Amino acid sequence: MFTGIIETLGLVEDIQTSGTNKTYWISSSVSSELRVDQSVSHNGVCLTVEEVAPGKHKVTAILETLEKTNLNTWKTGTLINLERCMQMGGRLDGHIVQGHVDATGTCVGYREGQGSWEFDIRFPTPFAALVIEKGSISLNGISLTIFNVTLDTFTVAIIPYTHEHTTMQSLKVGHSVNLEFDMIGKYVQRQAQIRD
């Protein structure tokens, strides 16, 4: 379980392919503190730490994960958002994030203001019921508030701190993003479907 508050940035150091799986070596300021079997959010994707070396750690994504997220677009040198799982008794500063990506979206608009940045994101329309004005979303693992909601787009606004400390600094039009819709909204939608 995560909060969507990014802890640090990681750098993809090496990628190895084995069958349909991809293994990634990630270097970061927290890698040496991780332990094998620990869950860590990588751009919003919950992956299990398999090995730890000085300043870096190894994770593997299976075909299911590669098909439903943007991990297949990672290359050596790609910056990613990292968050370790939340601790019981700690503050929930973002919103409840599972690290289970629902879909990928695409950045279709970008505007820089005076001290803030806005990004327009297109998402698959089957998820439209889960996207509400002023609701929460996990975008590449970042807990954000959405606005300007349409049937297949929404906008997020980024403050300077978030821009500087996450991968939002390198997000451009055409880039793919991992989306996890609000868990409470998914439960409400499921209850409504069962009643019908």
N, C-alpha and C. Protein backbone atom coordinates (compact mmCIF):
# COMPACT_ATOMS: atom_id res chain seq x y z
N MET A 1 0.86 -1.18 0.00
CA MET A 1 0.00 0.00 0.00
C MET A 1 0.90 1.24 0.00
N PHE A 2 0.52 2.23 -0.80
CA PHE A 2 1.33 3.44 -0.95
C PHE A 2 0.44 4.67 -0.77
N THR A 3 1.06 5.85 -0.76
CA THR A 3 0.31 7.09 -0.58
C THR A 3 0.35 7.98 -1.81
N GLY A 4 1.22 7.69 -2.76
CA GLY A 4 1.36 8.55 -3.93
C GLY A 4 2.23 9.76 -3.69
N ILE A 5 2.93 9.79 -2.56
CA ILE A 5 3.90 10.85 -2.27
C ILE A 5 5.28 10.30 -2.62
N ILE A 6 5.86 10.79 -3.69
CA ILE A 6 7.11 10.24 -4.21
C ILE A 6 8.26 10.53 -3.26
N GLU A 7 9.03 9.48 -2.99
CA GLU A 7 10.14 9.59 -2.04
C GLU A 7 11.42 10.06 -2.70
N THR A 8 11.69 9.53 -3.89
CA THR A 8 12.92 9.89 -4.60
C THR A 8 12.80 9.46 -6.05
N LEU A 9 13.75 9.88 -6.86
CA LEU A 9 13.82 9.45 -8.24
C LEU A 9 14.82 8.31 -8.37
N GLY A 10 14.53 7.38 -9.27
CA GLY A 10 15.45 6.30 -9.58
C GLY A 10 15.89 6.41 -11.02
N LEU A 11 17.01 5.79 -11.33
CA LEU A 11 17.56 5.80 -12.68
C LEU A 11 17.69 4.36 -13.17
N VAL A 12 17.11 4.07 -14.33
CA VAL A 12 17.24 2.73 -14.90
C VAL A 12 18.68 2.57 -15.39
N GLU A 13 19.41 1.64 -14.75
CA GLU A 13 20.82 1.43 -15.07
C GLU A 13 21.03 0.33 -16.10
N ASP A 14 20.19 -0.71 -16.04
CA ASP A 14 20.38 -1.86 -16.93
C ASP A 14 19.05 -2.57 -17.11
N ILE A 15 18.83 -3.12 -18.30
CA ILE A 15 17.61 -3.88 -18.60
C ILE A 15 18.02 -5.21 -19.23
N GLN A 16 17.47 -6.29 -18.68
CA GLN A 16 17.74 -7.63 -19.22
C GLN A 16 16.41 -8.29 -19.54
N THR A 17 16.37 -8.99 -20.68
CA THR A 17 15.16 -9.69 -21.10
C THR A 17 15.37 -11.19 -20.97
N SER A 18 14.39 -11.87 -20.37
CA SER A 18 14.43 -13.33 -20.23
C SER A 18 13.04 -13.85 -20.57
N GLY A 19 12.90 -14.46 -21.73
CA GLY A 19 11.58 -14.88 -22.18
C GLY A 19 10.72 -13.66 -22.39
N THR A 20 9.54 -13.62 -21.73
CA THR A 20 8.66 -12.45 -21.84
C THR A 20 8.85 -11.48 -20.67
N ASN A 21 9.77 -11.76 -19.78
CA ASN A 21 10.03 -10.91 -18.62
C ASN A 21 11.12 -9.89 -18.92
N LYS A 22 11.06 -8.77 -18.19
CA LYS A 22 12.15 -7.79 -18.23
C LYS A 22 12.61 -7.53 -16.81
N THR A 23 13.93 -7.57 -16.62
CA THR A 23 14.53 -7.28 -15.32
C THR A 23 15.24 -5.94 -15.40
N TYR A 24 15.02 -5.13 -14.38
CA TYR A 24 15.58 -3.77 -14.35
C TYR A 24 16.48 -3.61 -13.12
N TRP A 25 17.65 -3.03 -13.33
CA TRP A 25 18.49 -2.57 -12.23
C TRP A 25 18.27 -1.07 -12.10
N ILE A 26 17.86 -0.64 -10.91
CA ILE A 26 17.53 0.75 -10.63
C ILE A 26 18.49 1.30 -9.59
N SER A 27 19.09 2.45 -9.86
CA SER A 27 19.92 3.11 -8.85
C SER A 27 19.14 4.27 -8.25
N SER A 28 19.27 4.44 -6.93
CA SER A 28 18.57 5.54 -6.25
C SER A 28 19.19 5.77 -4.88
N SER A 29 18.75 6.84 -4.24
CA SER A 29 19.25 7.18 -2.90
C SER A 29 18.71 6.24 -1.83
N VAL A 30 17.65 5.47 -2.13
CA VAL A 30 17.09 4.55 -1.12
C VAL A 30 17.39 3.09 -1.43
N SER A 31 17.99 2.80 -2.59
CA SER A 31 18.19 1.40 -3.00
C SER A 31 18.95 0.58 -1.97
N SER A 32 20.00 1.14 -1.38
CA SER A 32 20.81 0.39 -0.41
C SER A 32 20.04 0.09 0.87
N GLU A 33 18.96 0.84 1.13
CA GLU A 33 18.16 0.62 2.34
C GLU A 33 17.08 -0.44 2.12
N LEU A 34 16.85 -0.84 0.89
CA LEU A 34 15.81 -1.82 0.59
C LEU A 34 16.25 -3.21 0.99
N ARG A 35 15.27 -4.13 1.07
CA ARG A 35 15.57 -5.52 1.36
C ARG A 35 14.84 -6.41 0.36
N VAL A 36 15.36 -7.57 0.14
CA VAL A 36 14.74 -8.52 -0.77
C VAL A 36 13.33 -8.84 -0.29
N ASP A 37 12.39 -8.96 -1.20
CA ASP A 37 10.97 -9.22 -0.97
C ASP A 37 10.17 -7.98 -0.60
N GLN A 38 10.80 -6.83 -0.52
CA GLN A 38 10.08 -5.61 -0.19
C GLN A 38 9.34 -5.10 -1.42
N SER A 39 8.14 -4.56 -1.22
CA SER A 39 7.36 -3.96 -2.30
C SER A 39 7.71 -2.49 -2.43
N VAL A 40 7.99 -2.05 -3.65
CA VAL A 40 8.33 -0.66 -3.92
C VAL A 40 7.55 -0.21 -5.16
N SER A 41 7.00 0.99 -5.10
CA SER A 41 6.30 1.56 -6.25
C SER A 41 7.31 2.18 -7.20
N HIS A 42 7.30 1.68 -8.45
CA HIS A 42 8.16 2.18 -9.52
C HIS A 42 7.26 2.81 -10.57
N ASN A 43 7.20 4.15 -10.61
CA ASN A 43 6.28 4.85 -11.52
C ASN A 43 4.84 4.37 -11.31
N GLY A 44 4.51 4.06 -10.06
CA GLY A 44 3.16 3.64 -9.73
C GLY A 44 2.91 2.16 -9.86
N VAL A 45 3.93 1.38 -10.23
CA VAL A 45 3.80 -0.06 -10.37
C VAL A 45 4.47 -0.73 -9.17
N CYS A 46 3.71 -1.53 -8.43
CA CYS A 46 4.26 -2.25 -7.28
C CYS A 46 5.10 -3.42 -7.79
N LEU A 47 6.41 -3.36 -7.52
CA LEU A 47 7.33 -4.42 -7.92
C LEU A 47 8.10 -4.92 -6.70
N THR A 48 8.46 -6.20 -6.71
CA THR A 48 9.16 -6.82 -5.59
C THR A 48 10.67 -6.73 -5.79
N VAL A 49 11.36 -6.26 -4.77
CA VAL A 49 12.82 -6.19 -4.81
C VAL A 49 13.38 -7.61 -4.78
N GLU A 50 14.20 -7.94 -5.77
CA GLU A 50 14.78 -9.28 -5.87
C GLU A 50 16.22 -9.35 -5.40
N GLU A 51 16.92 -8.24 -5.52
CA GLU A 51 18.33 -8.21 -5.15
C GLU A 51 18.72 -6.76 -4.84
N VAL A 52 19.62 -6.59 -3.90
CA VAL A 52 20.11 -5.26 -3.54
C VAL A 52 21.62 -5.26 -3.63
N ALA A 53 22.18 -4.24 -4.26
CA ALA A 53 23.62 -4.05 -4.37
C ALA A 53 23.89 -2.61 -3.94
N PRO A 54 25.13 -2.24 -3.71
CA PRO A 54 25.42 -0.86 -3.29
C PRO A 54 24.83 0.17 -4.25
N GLY A 55 23.86 0.93 -3.75
CA GLY A 55 23.27 2.02 -4.52
C GLY A 55 22.28 1.62 -5.58
N LYS A 56 21.94 0.32 -5.67
CA LYS A 56 20.98 -0.09 -6.70
C LYS A 56 20.22 -1.34 -6.27
N HIS A 57 19.10 -1.59 -6.94
CA HIS A 57 18.29 -2.77 -6.65
C HIS A 57 17.72 -3.32 -7.95
N LYS A 58 17.30 -4.59 -7.89
CA LYS A 58 16.79 -5.29 -9.07
C LYS A 58 15.33 -5.67 -8.89
N VAL A 59 14.53 -5.46 -9.95
CA VAL A 59 13.13 -5.87 -9.97
C VAL A 59 12.83 -6.48 -11.34
N THR A 60 11.80 -7.32 -11.39
CA THR A 60 11.40 -7.94 -12.65
C THR A 60 9.92 -7.69 -12.90
N ALA A 61 9.60 -7.40 -14.16
CA ALA A 61 8.21 -7.24 -14.59
C ALA A 61 7.85 -8.38 -15.54
N ILE A 62 6.71 -9.03 -15.26
CA ILE A 62 6.25 -10.11 -16.12
C ILE A 62 5.42 -9.52 -17.27
N LEU A 63 5.05 -10.37 -18.22
CA LEU A 63 4.34 -9.93 -19.42
C LEU A 63 3.08 -9.14 -19.08
N GLU A 64 2.27 -9.63 -18.14
CA GLU A 64 1.03 -8.94 -17.75
C GLU A 64 1.32 -7.49 -17.36
N THR A 65 2.36 -7.28 -16.57
CA THR A 65 2.73 -5.93 -16.14
C THR A 65 3.22 -5.10 -17.32
N LEU A 66 4.03 -5.69 -18.17
CA LEU A 66 4.58 -4.97 -19.32
C LEU A 66 3.49 -4.54 -20.28
N GLU A 67 2.43 -5.36 -20.41
CA GLU A 67 1.34 -5.05 -21.33
C GLU A 67 0.40 -3.97 -20.80
N LYS A 68 0.30 -3.83 -19.47
CA LYS A 68 -0.68 -2.92 -18.89
C LYS A 68 -0.07 -1.63 -18.35
N THR A 69 1.23 -1.47 -18.44
CA THR A 69 1.90 -0.29 -17.90
C THR A 69 2.84 0.29 -18.96
N ASN A 70 3.57 1.34 -18.57
CA ASN A 70 4.53 1.93 -19.50
C ASN A 70 5.96 1.43 -19.26
N LEU A 71 6.12 0.34 -18.50
CA LEU A 71 7.46 -0.18 -18.23
C LEU A 71 8.18 -0.62 -19.50
N ASN A 72 7.42 -1.02 -20.51
CA ASN A 72 8.03 -1.44 -21.77
C ASN A 72 8.73 -0.29 -22.49
N THR A 73 8.39 0.95 -22.11
CA THR A 73 9.02 2.11 -22.76
C THR A 73 10.31 2.54 -22.06
N TRP A 74 10.58 1.93 -20.88
CA TRP A 74 11.80 2.31 -20.16
C TRP A 74 13.04 1.91 -20.94
N LYS A 75 14.04 2.79 -20.89
CA LYS A 75 15.33 2.53 -21.50
C LYS A 75 16.40 2.82 -20.47
N THR A 76 17.62 2.40 -20.72
CA THR A 76 18.73 2.76 -19.84
C THR A 76 18.80 4.29 -19.80
N GLY A 77 18.82 4.83 -18.60
CA GLY A 77 18.85 6.28 -18.43
C GLY A 77 17.50 6.90 -18.12
N THR A 78 16.42 6.11 -18.17
CA THR A 78 15.08 6.62 -17.85
C THR A 78 14.98 6.93 -16.36
N LEU A 79 14.43 8.11 -16.03
CA LEU A 79 14.16 8.47 -14.63
C LEU A 79 12.78 7.97 -14.25
N ILE A 80 12.65 7.41 -13.05
CA ILE A 80 11.35 6.91 -12.58
C ILE A 80 11.09 7.38 -11.16
N ASN A 81 9.81 7.43 -10.79
CA ASN A 81 9.39 7.80 -9.44
C ASN A 81 9.44 6.57 -8.54
N LEU A 82 9.96 6.73 -7.33
CA LEU A 82 10.03 5.63 -6.37
C LEU A 82 9.35 6.02 -5.06
N GLU A 83 8.60 5.07 -4.51
CA GLU A 83 8.01 5.23 -3.18
C GLU A 83 8.01 3.89 -2.49
N ARG A 84 8.57 3.86 -1.27
CA ARG A 84 8.47 2.64 -0.46
C ARG A 84 7.08 2.57 0.14
N CYS A 85 6.66 1.36 0.54
CA CYS A 85 5.32 1.18 1.07
C CYS A 85 5.13 2.01 2.34
N MET A 86 3.87 2.39 2.57
CA MET A 86 3.57 3.21 3.74
C MET A 86 3.72 2.41 5.03
N GLN A 87 4.04 3.11 6.10
CA GLN A 87 4.18 2.47 7.40
C GLN A 87 2.90 2.68 8.19
N MET A 88 2.46 1.63 8.86
CA MET A 88 1.27 1.76 9.70
C MET A 88 1.53 2.80 10.79
N GLY A 89 0.55 3.64 11.02
CA GLY A 89 0.70 4.68 12.03
C GLY A 89 1.25 5.98 11.46
N GLY A 90 1.64 5.97 10.17
CA GLY A 90 2.14 7.18 9.54
C GLY A 90 1.01 7.99 8.94
N ARG A 91 1.33 9.19 8.51
CA ARG A 91 0.34 10.05 7.89
C ARG A 91 0.09 9.61 6.45
N LEU A 92 -1.16 9.70 6.03
CA LEU A 92 -1.54 9.41 4.66
C LEU A 92 -1.66 10.76 3.94
N ASP A 93 -0.53 11.25 3.43
CA ASP A 93 -0.51 12.59 2.86
C ASP A 93 -1.11 12.67 1.47
N GLY A 94 -1.15 11.57 0.73
CA GLY A 94 -1.74 11.57 -0.61
C GLY A 94 -3.11 10.93 -0.56
N HIS A 95 -3.25 9.77 -1.19
CA HIS A 95 -4.46 8.96 -1.08
C HIS A 95 -4.03 7.49 -1.15
N ILE A 96 -4.96 6.58 -0.92
CA ILE A 96 -4.61 5.16 -0.89
C ILE A 96 -4.28 4.70 -2.31
N VAL A 97 -3.04 4.24 -2.50
CA VAL A 97 -2.56 3.77 -3.80
C VAL A 97 -2.07 2.34 -3.62
N GLN A 98 -2.54 1.43 -4.46
CA GLN A 98 -2.16 0.03 -4.34
C GLN A 98 -0.91 -0.34 -5.14
N GLY A 99 -0.60 0.45 -6.15
CA GLY A 99 0.50 0.07 -7.03
C GLY A 99 0.05 -0.90 -8.10
N HIS A 100 -1.27 -1.01 -8.30
CA HIS A 100 -1.84 -1.88 -9.33
C HIS A 100 -2.39 -0.99 -10.44
N VAL A 101 -1.62 -0.81 -11.48
CA VAL A 101 -1.98 0.11 -12.56
C VAL A 101 -3.21 -0.41 -13.30
N ASP A 102 -4.19 0.47 -13.51
CA ASP A 102 -5.41 0.10 -14.22
C ASP A 102 -5.28 0.26 -15.73
N ALA A 103 -4.54 1.26 -16.15
CA ALA A 103 -4.43 1.56 -17.58
C ALA A 103 -3.29 2.54 -17.80
N THR A 104 -2.94 2.72 -19.05
CA THR A 104 -2.01 3.79 -19.39
C THR A 104 -2.79 4.90 -20.05
N GLY A 105 -2.31 6.12 -19.85
CA GLY A 105 -2.87 7.29 -20.51
C GLY A 105 -1.78 7.94 -21.34
N THR A 106 -2.15 9.01 -22.02
CA THR A 106 -1.20 9.73 -22.86
C THR A 106 -1.29 11.21 -22.56
N CYS A 107 -0.14 11.85 -22.42
CA CYS A 107 -0.10 13.30 -22.25
C CYS A 107 -0.45 13.93 -23.60
N VAL A 108 -1.52 14.73 -23.62
CA VAL A 108 -1.97 15.34 -24.88
C VAL A 108 -1.90 16.87 -24.83
N GLY A 109 -1.47 17.42 -23.70
CA GLY A 109 -1.36 18.87 -23.60
C GLY A 109 -0.44 19.27 -22.47
N TYR A 110 0.24 20.40 -22.63
CA TYR A 110 1.19 20.88 -21.63
C TYR A 110 1.20 22.40 -21.66
N ARG A 111 1.09 23.01 -20.47
CA ARG A 111 1.17 24.47 -20.36
C ARG A 111 1.98 24.83 -19.14
N GLU A 112 2.88 25.78 -19.32
CA GLU A 112 3.67 26.28 -18.18
C GLU A 112 3.13 27.65 -17.81
N GLY A 113 2.78 27.79 -16.52
CA GLY A 113 2.28 29.08 -16.04
C GLY A 113 3.38 29.80 -15.28
N GLN A 114 2.98 30.69 -14.43
CA GLN A 114 3.95 31.41 -13.61
C GLN A 114 4.08 30.67 -12.28
N GLY A 115 4.95 29.66 -12.27
CA GLY A 115 5.19 28.89 -11.05
C GLY A 115 4.39 27.61 -10.97
N SER A 116 3.71 27.21 -12.05
CA SER A 116 3.00 25.94 -12.04
C SER A 116 2.98 25.38 -13.46
N TRP A 117 2.64 24.11 -13.57
CA TRP A 117 2.59 23.43 -14.85
C TRP A 117 1.28 22.65 -14.92
N GLU A 118 0.65 22.65 -16.10
CA GLU A 118 -0.58 21.88 -16.30
C GLU A 118 -0.36 20.86 -17.39
N PHE A 119 -0.88 19.64 -17.16
CA PHE A 119 -0.77 18.55 -18.12
C PHE A 119 -2.16 18.01 -18.38
N ASP A 120 -2.51 17.86 -19.66
CA ASP A 120 -3.77 17.22 -20.05
C ASP A 120 -3.47 15.77 -20.38
N ILE A 121 -4.26 14.87 -19.80
CA ILE A 121 -4.04 13.43 -19.96
C ILE A 121 -5.27 12.79 -20.58
N ARG A 122 -5.06 12.02 -21.65
CA ARG A 122 -6.15 11.23 -22.25
C ARG A 122 -6.10 9.83 -21.65
N PHE A 123 -7.26 9.29 -21.30
CA PHE A 123 -7.35 7.97 -20.68
C PHE A 123 -8.40 7.15 -21.43
N PRO A 124 -8.38 5.82 -21.30
CA PRO A 124 -9.37 4.97 -21.98
C PRO A 124 -10.78 5.24 -21.44
N THR A 125 -11.76 5.41 -22.33
CA THR A 125 -13.12 5.77 -21.92
C THR A 125 -13.82 4.74 -21.03
N PRO A 126 -13.45 3.43 -21.05
CA PRO A 126 -14.12 2.53 -20.10
C PRO A 126 -13.92 2.93 -18.63
N PHE A 127 -12.96 3.80 -18.36
CA PHE A 127 -12.69 4.22 -16.98
C PHE A 127 -13.33 5.57 -16.65
N ALA A 128 -14.15 6.10 -17.54
CA ALA A 128 -14.71 7.45 -17.38
C ALA A 128 -15.47 7.62 -16.06
N ALA A 129 -16.17 6.59 -15.62
CA ALA A 129 -16.96 6.70 -14.38
C ALA A 129 -16.08 6.86 -13.14
N LEU A 130 -14.80 6.55 -13.26
CA LEU A 130 -13.88 6.63 -12.12
C LEU A 130 -13.12 7.94 -12.07
N VAL A 131 -13.37 8.81 -13.04
CA VAL A 131 -12.66 10.08 -13.12
C VAL A 131 -13.64 11.20 -12.81
N ILE A 132 -13.46 11.83 -11.65
CA ILE A 132 -14.40 12.87 -11.23
C ILE A 132 -13.65 14.17 -10.94
N GLU A 133 -14.36 15.28 -11.13
CA GLU A 133 -13.79 16.60 -10.86
C GLU A 133 -13.32 16.69 -9.41
N LYS A 134 -12.09 17.14 -9.22
CA LYS A 134 -11.45 17.27 -7.90
C LYS A 134 -11.20 15.92 -7.23
N GLY A 135 -11.25 14.84 -8.00
CA GLY A 135 -10.95 13.52 -7.46
C GLY A 135 -9.45 13.25 -7.46
N SER A 136 -9.07 12.12 -6.90
CA SER A 136 -7.65 11.74 -6.83
C SER A 136 -7.33 10.71 -7.90
N ILE A 137 -6.09 10.75 -8.37
CA ILE A 137 -5.58 9.75 -9.30
C ILE A 137 -4.11 9.55 -9.02
N SER A 138 -3.62 8.36 -9.30
CA SER A 138 -2.19 8.09 -9.24
C SER A 138 -1.67 8.10 -10.67
N LEU A 139 -0.78 9.05 -10.97
CA LEU A 139 -0.20 9.21 -12.30
C LEU A 139 1.30 8.95 -12.18
N ASN A 140 1.76 7.85 -12.77
CA ASN A 140 3.16 7.41 -12.58
C ASN A 140 3.52 7.34 -11.10
N GLY A 141 2.52 6.96 -10.29
CA GLY A 141 2.74 6.79 -8.86
C GLY A 141 2.56 8.04 -8.03
N ILE A 142 2.27 9.18 -8.66
CA ILE A 142 2.11 10.45 -7.95
C ILE A 142 0.64 10.67 -7.64
N SER A 143 0.32 10.95 -6.39
CA SER A 143 -1.05 11.28 -6.01
C SER A 143 -1.36 12.70 -6.45
N LEU A 144 -2.32 12.85 -7.36
CA LEU A 144 -2.66 14.16 -7.90
C LEU A 144 -4.17 14.37 -7.89
N THR A 145 -4.57 15.64 -7.88
CA THR A 145 -5.98 16.02 -7.97
C THR A 145 -6.27 16.39 -9.41
N ILE A 146 -7.41 15.90 -9.92
CA ILE A 146 -7.75 16.14 -11.32
C ILE A 146 -8.86 17.17 -11.45
N PHE A 147 -8.85 17.87 -12.60
CA PHE A 147 -9.90 18.84 -12.90
C PHE A 147 -10.06 18.92 -14.42
N ASN A 148 -10.97 19.76 -14.88
CA ASN A 148 -11.29 19.87 -16.32
C ASN A 148 -11.59 18.49 -16.91
N VAL A 149 -12.41 17.72 -16.22
CA VAL A 149 -12.70 16.34 -16.63
C VAL A 149 -13.66 16.32 -17.81
N THR A 150 -13.31 15.50 -18.83
CA THR A 150 -14.21 15.23 -19.96
C THR A 150 -14.42 13.71 -20.01
N LEU A 151 -15.05 13.24 -21.06
CA LEU A 151 -15.30 11.80 -21.19
C LEU A 151 -14.00 11.00 -21.28
N ASP A 152 -12.93 11.61 -21.82
CA ASP A 152 -11.69 10.84 -21.97
C ASP A 152 -10.42 11.63 -21.65
N THR A 153 -10.56 12.81 -21.01
CA THR A 153 -9.38 13.57 -20.62
C THR A 153 -9.57 14.20 -19.24
N PHE A 154 -8.47 14.53 -18.62
CA PHE A 154 -8.48 15.33 -17.40
C PHE A 154 -7.19 16.13 -17.37
N THR A 155 -7.13 17.10 -16.46
CA THR A 155 -5.96 17.95 -16.31
C THR A 155 -5.44 17.84 -14.89
N VAL A 156 -4.13 17.89 -14.74
CA VAL A 156 -3.50 17.98 -13.43
C VAL A 156 -2.61 19.21 -13.42
N ALA A 157 -2.52 19.87 -12.27
CA ALA A 157 -1.64 21.02 -12.09
C ALA A 157 -0.53 20.63 -11.12
N ILE A 158 0.68 21.02 -11.44
CA ILE A 158 1.86 20.62 -10.68
C ILE A 158 2.51 21.84 -10.05
N ILE A 159 2.78 21.77 -8.76
CA ILE A 159 3.50 22.84 -8.06
C ILE A 159 5.00 22.66 -8.28
N PRO A 160 5.80 23.69 -8.03
CA PRO A 160 7.25 23.58 -8.27
C PRO A 160 7.92 22.41 -7.55
N TYR A 161 7.54 22.13 -6.32
CA TYR A 161 8.18 21.03 -5.59
C TYR A 161 7.96 19.70 -6.31
N THR A 162 6.72 19.43 -6.72
CA THR A 162 6.42 18.19 -7.43
C THR A 162 7.14 18.14 -8.77
N HIS A 163 7.18 19.27 -9.46
CA HIS A 163 7.87 19.33 -10.75
C HIS A 163 9.35 19.00 -10.60
N GLU A 164 9.95 19.51 -9.55
CA GLU A 164 11.40 19.32 -9.34
C GLU A 164 11.75 17.93 -8.83
N HIS A 165 10.87 17.31 -8.03
CA HIS A 165 11.20 16.07 -7.34
C HIS A 165 10.57 14.81 -7.92
N THR A 166 9.90 14.93 -9.07
CA THR A 166 9.30 13.75 -9.72
C THR A 166 9.60 13.78 -11.21
N THR A 167 9.13 12.75 -11.90
CA THR A 167 9.35 12.68 -13.34
C THR A 167 8.45 13.62 -14.13
N MET A 168 7.59 14.39 -13.46
CA MET A 168 6.76 15.36 -14.18
C MET A 168 7.65 16.37 -14.90
N GLN A 169 8.87 16.55 -14.43
CA GLN A 169 9.80 17.50 -15.06
C GLN A 169 10.16 17.09 -16.48
N SER A 170 10.01 15.80 -16.81
CA SER A 170 10.39 15.33 -18.15
C SER A 170 9.19 14.84 -18.97
N LEU A 171 7.96 14.99 -18.43
CA LEU A 171 6.76 14.54 -19.15
C LEU A 171 6.45 15.48 -20.31
N LYS A 172 6.31 14.92 -21.49
CA LYS A 172 6.04 15.70 -22.70
C LYS A 172 4.79 15.15 -23.41
N VAL A 173 4.25 15.96 -24.31
CA VAL A 173 3.11 15.53 -25.11
C VAL A 173 3.50 14.27 -25.89
N GLY A 174 2.63 13.27 -25.84
CA GLY A 174 2.88 12.00 -26.50
C GLY A 174 3.42 10.92 -25.59
N HIS A 175 3.91 11.31 -24.40
CA HIS A 175 4.43 10.32 -23.46
C HIS A 175 3.31 9.51 -22.83
N SER A 176 3.59 8.26 -22.55
CA SER A 176 2.66 7.36 -21.88
C SER A 176 2.83 7.48 -20.37
N VAL A 177 1.72 7.41 -19.63
CA VAL A 177 1.76 7.47 -18.16
C VAL A 177 0.94 6.32 -17.58
N ASN A 178 1.38 5.82 -16.42
CA ASN A 178 0.64 4.79 -15.71
C ASN A 178 -0.46 5.45 -14.88
N LEU A 179 -1.67 4.89 -14.95
CA LEU A 179 -2.81 5.43 -14.23
C LEU A 179 -3.40 4.38 -13.29
N GLU A 180 -3.58 4.76 -12.04
CA GLU A 180 -4.34 3.94 -11.10
C GLU A 180 -5.47 4.81 -10.58
N PHE A 181 -6.70 4.38 -10.86
CA PHE A 181 -7.87 5.14 -10.45
C PHE A 181 -8.16 4.89 -8.98
N ASP A 182 -8.89 5.82 -8.37
CA ASP A 182 -9.14 5.78 -6.93
C ASP A 182 -9.82 4.48 -6.52
N MET A 183 -9.25 3.81 -5.52
CA MET A 183 -9.74 2.51 -5.08
C MET A 183 -11.18 2.58 -4.56
N ILE A 184 -11.52 3.63 -3.84
CA ILE A 184 -12.87 3.75 -3.30
C ILE A 184 -13.88 3.85 -4.45
N GLY A 185 -13.53 4.62 -5.47
CA GLY A 185 -14.40 4.72 -6.65
C GLY A 185 -14.60 3.37 -7.33
N LYS A 186 -13.55 2.56 -7.37
CA LYS A 186 -13.66 1.23 -8.00
C LYS A 186 -14.59 0.33 -7.20
N TYR A 187 -14.54 0.40 -5.87
CA TYR A 187 -15.44 -0.40 -5.05
C TYR A 187 -16.89 0.05 -5.23
N VAL A 188 -17.12 1.34 -5.29
CA VAL A 188 -18.48 1.86 -5.49
C VAL A 188 -19.01 1.42 -6.84
N GLN A 189 -18.17 1.50 -7.88
CA GLN A 189 -18.59 1.08 -9.22
C GLN A 189 -18.94 -0.41 -9.23
N ARG A 190 -18.12 -1.22 -8.56
CA ARG A 190 -18.37 -2.66 -8.53
C ARG A 190 -19.68 -2.99 -7.81
N GLN A 191 -19.95 -2.30 -6.71
CA GLN A 191 -21.21 -2.52 -5.98
C GLN A 191 -22.41 -2.19 -6.87
N ALA A 192 -22.30 -1.10 -7.63
CA ALA A 192 -23.39 -0.70 -8.52
C ALA A 192 -23.61 -1.77 -9.61
N GLN A 193 -22.52 -2.32 -10.12
CA GLN A 193 -22.64 -3.36 -11.16
C GLN A 193 -23.30 -4.62 -10.63
N ILE A 194 -22.97 -4.99 -9.41
CA ILE A 194 -23.54 -6.21 -8.81
C ILE A 194 -25.04 -6.05 -8.58
N ARG A 195 -25.46 -4.84 -8.22
CA ARG A 195 -26.89 -4.59 -7.93
C ARG A 195 -27.72 -4.60 -9.20
N ASP A 196 -27.11 -4.28 -10.32
CA ASP A 196 -27.86 -4.20 -11.60
C ASP A 196 -28.27 -5.54 -12.13
